Amino acid sequence: MIIKENLKYSKDHEWVRLEGEIAFIGVSDFAQHELGDVVFVECNTVGDTLAKDEPFGVIEAVKTVSDSFMPISGEVLDFNAALETNPELINKDPYGEGWMIKVAVANLGEMNDLMDATAYKAYVGL
């Protein structure tokens, strides 16, 4: 199980990588492992401004269907179009090519509410 040190994590197993006031968001390696083989990813929220904890998309795996939730508030700027034809990128590279959305962060202070890698490891029992 890979938990990257340079990311922040939510209780819903999303990760956040901040680049200035833009955040890249995806699901953690732990989450993709629990979901199983991802077969479909959907995001109908590009252009929407969403609050923290609001759903921004759906991941469908062989085992289950799961909503993905905003770890921070902001405007959804982009969806990773590669996931439309290659949803398995979430399984293969959850922190790289498997990123899900790009967000203009509304409140940088919300980053302080997220877990660092050490806290997330404890949260998932590693």
Protein backbone atom coordinates (compact mmCIF):
# COMPACT_ATOMS: atom_id res chain seq x y z
CA MET A 1 0.00 0.00 0.00
CA ILE A 2 1.51 3.31 -1.08
CA ILE A 3 0.73 6.46 0.88
CA LYS A 4 2.61 9.45 -0.53
CA GLU A 5 4.22 11.85 1.93
CA ASN A 6 3.65 14.99 -0.16
CA LEU A 7 -0.15 14.67 -0.26
CA LYS A 8 -3.05 15.37 2.10
CA TYR A 9 -5.85 12.84 2.64
CA SER A 10 -9.55 12.96 3.53
CA LYS A 11 -11.57 10.59 5.70
CA ASP A 12 -13.30 9.48 2.47
CA HIS A 13 -9.91 8.36 1.04
CA GLU A 14 -9.40 11.15 -1.48
CA TRP A 15 -5.94 12.68 -1.81
CA VAL A 16 -5.09 16.31 -2.57
CA ARG A 17 -1.95 17.68 -4.23
CA LEU A 18 -1.76 21.45 -4.05
CA GLU A 19 -0.03 23.47 -6.78
CA GLY A 20 -0.45 27.10 -5.77
CA GLU A 21 -4.20 27.59 -5.48
CA ILE A 22 -4.99 24.67 -7.80
CA ALA A 23 -5.56 21.21 -6.33
CA PHE A 24 -5.37 17.86 -8.07
CA ILE A 25 -7.65 15.29 -6.43
CA GLY A 26 -7.93 11.53 -6.76
CA VAL A 27 -8.52 8.44 -4.67
CA SER A 28 -5.83 6.87 -2.53
CA ASP A 29 -4.06 3.60 -3.22
CA PHE A 30 -5.92 2.20 -0.20
CA ALA A 31 -9.28 3.20 -1.73
CA GLN A 32 -8.54 1.79 -5.18
CA HIS A 33 -7.43 -1.47 -3.56
CA GLU A 34 -10.67 -1.67 -1.57
CA LEU A 35 -12.77 -0.86 -4.66
CA GLY A 36 -11.16 -3.48 -6.86
CA ASP A 37 -10.93 -3.22 -10.63
CA VAL A 38 -12.28 0.17 -11.73
CA VAL A 39 -14.42 -0.12 -14.87
CA PHE A 40 -16.05 3.33 -15.16
CA VAL A 41 -15.46 6.86 -13.85
CA GLU A 42 -17.90 9.74 -14.17
CA CYS A 43 -17.69 13.41 -13.29
CA ASN A 44 -20.54 15.74 -14.24
CA THR A 45 -19.41 18.62 -12.04
CA VAL A 46 -16.84 20.44 -14.23
CA GLY A 47 -17.63 24.15 -13.94
CA ASP A 48 -19.49 23.70 -10.65
CA THR A 49 -18.39 25.19 -7.35
CA LEU A 50 -18.78 22.54 -4.68
CA ALA A 51 -18.48 22.61 -0.90
CA LYS A 52 -16.22 20.33 1.07
CA ASP A 53 -17.78 16.83 1.42
CA GLU A 54 -20.11 17.25 -1.59
CA PRO A 55 -19.93 14.45 -4.18
CA PHE A 56 -18.06 15.36 -7.36
CA GLY A 57 -18.13 12.07 -9.24
CA VAL A 58 -18.70 8.34 -9.27
CA ILE A 59 -16.32 5.40 -9.50
CA GLU A 60 -17.75 2.08 -10.63
CA ALA A 61 -15.71 -1.01 -9.88
CA VAL A 62 -16.40 -4.69 -10.38
CA LYS A 63 -17.34 -4.95 -6.68
CA THR A 64 -19.24 -1.70 -6.08
CA VAL A 65 -20.21 1.82 -7.10
CA SER A 66 -18.85 4.64 -4.95
CA ASP A 67 -19.30 8.40 -4.84
CA SER A 68 -16.17 10.55 -4.69
CA PHE A 69 -16.34 13.52 -2.33
CA MET A 70 -14.69 16.93 -2.36
CA PRO A 71 -11.95 17.00 0.30
CA ILE A 72 -11.90 20.82 0.01
CA SER A 73 -14.25 23.46 -1.39
CA GLY A 74 -13.69 24.87 -4.84
CA GLU A 75 -14.60 25.09 -8.49
CA VAL A 76 -14.08 21.91 -10.50
CA LEU A 77 -11.93 23.08 -13.41
CA ASP A 78 -11.18 19.84 -15.18
CA PHE A 79 -11.84 16.10 -15.22
CA ASN A 80 -9.08 13.71 -16.25
CA ALA A 81 -10.45 12.73 -19.68
CA ALA A 82 -8.03 9.78 -19.86
CA LEU A 83 -10.24 8.04 -17.28
CA GLU A 84 -13.14 7.93 -19.76
CA THR A 85 -11.32 5.39 -21.94
CA ASN A 86 -8.87 4.04 -19.34
CA PRO A 87 -10.62 3.97 -15.94
CA GLU A 88 -8.10 1.36 -14.79
CA LEU A 89 -5.53 4.19 -14.46
CA ILE A 90 -7.01 4.65 -10.97
CA ASN A 91 -5.82 1.13 -10.13
CA LYS A 92 -2.49 1.36 -11.94
CA ASP A 93 -1.38 4.87 -10.94
CA PRO A 94 -3.79 6.45 -8.42
CA TYR A 95 -1.43 9.32 -7.53
CA GLY A 96 -0.23 10.07 -11.06
CA GLU A 97 -2.09 9.38 -14.30
CA GLY A 98 -5.15 8.29 -12.29
CA TRP A 99 -5.90 11.75 -10.85
CA MET A 100 -9.60 12.56 -11.14
CA ILE A 101 -10.24 16.32 -11.00
CA LYS A 102 -8.48 19.67 -10.93
CA VAL A 103 -10.00 22.29 -8.59
CA ALA A 104 -9.58 26.04 -8.01
CA VAL A 105 -9.39 26.02 -4.21
CA ALA A 106 -11.92 28.31 -2.52
CA ASN A 107 -10.46 28.14 0.99
CA LEU A 108 -6.80 27.16 1.43
CA GLY A 109 -7.41 26.91 5.20
CA GLU A 110 -9.41 23.72 4.60
CA MET A 111 -6.14 21.97 3.75
CA ASN A 112 -5.40 22.07 7.49
CA ASP A 113 -8.42 19.83 8.10
CA LEU A 114 -6.95 17.03 5.99
CA MET A 115 -4.63 14.28 7.21
CA ASP A 116 -0.94 14.11 6.43
CA ALA A 117 0.56 10.76 5.39
CA THR A 118 1.33 9.71 8.96
CA ALA A 119 -2.21 10.41 10.18
CA TYR A 120 -3.72 8.71 7.12
CA LYS A 121 -1.61 5.60 7.67
CA ALA A 122 -2.96 5.40 11.21
CA TYR A 123 -6.51 6.05 9.96
CA VAL A 124 -6.39 3.07 7.57
CA GLY A 125 -4.54 0.87 10.04
CA LEU A 126 -1.10 0.69 8.43
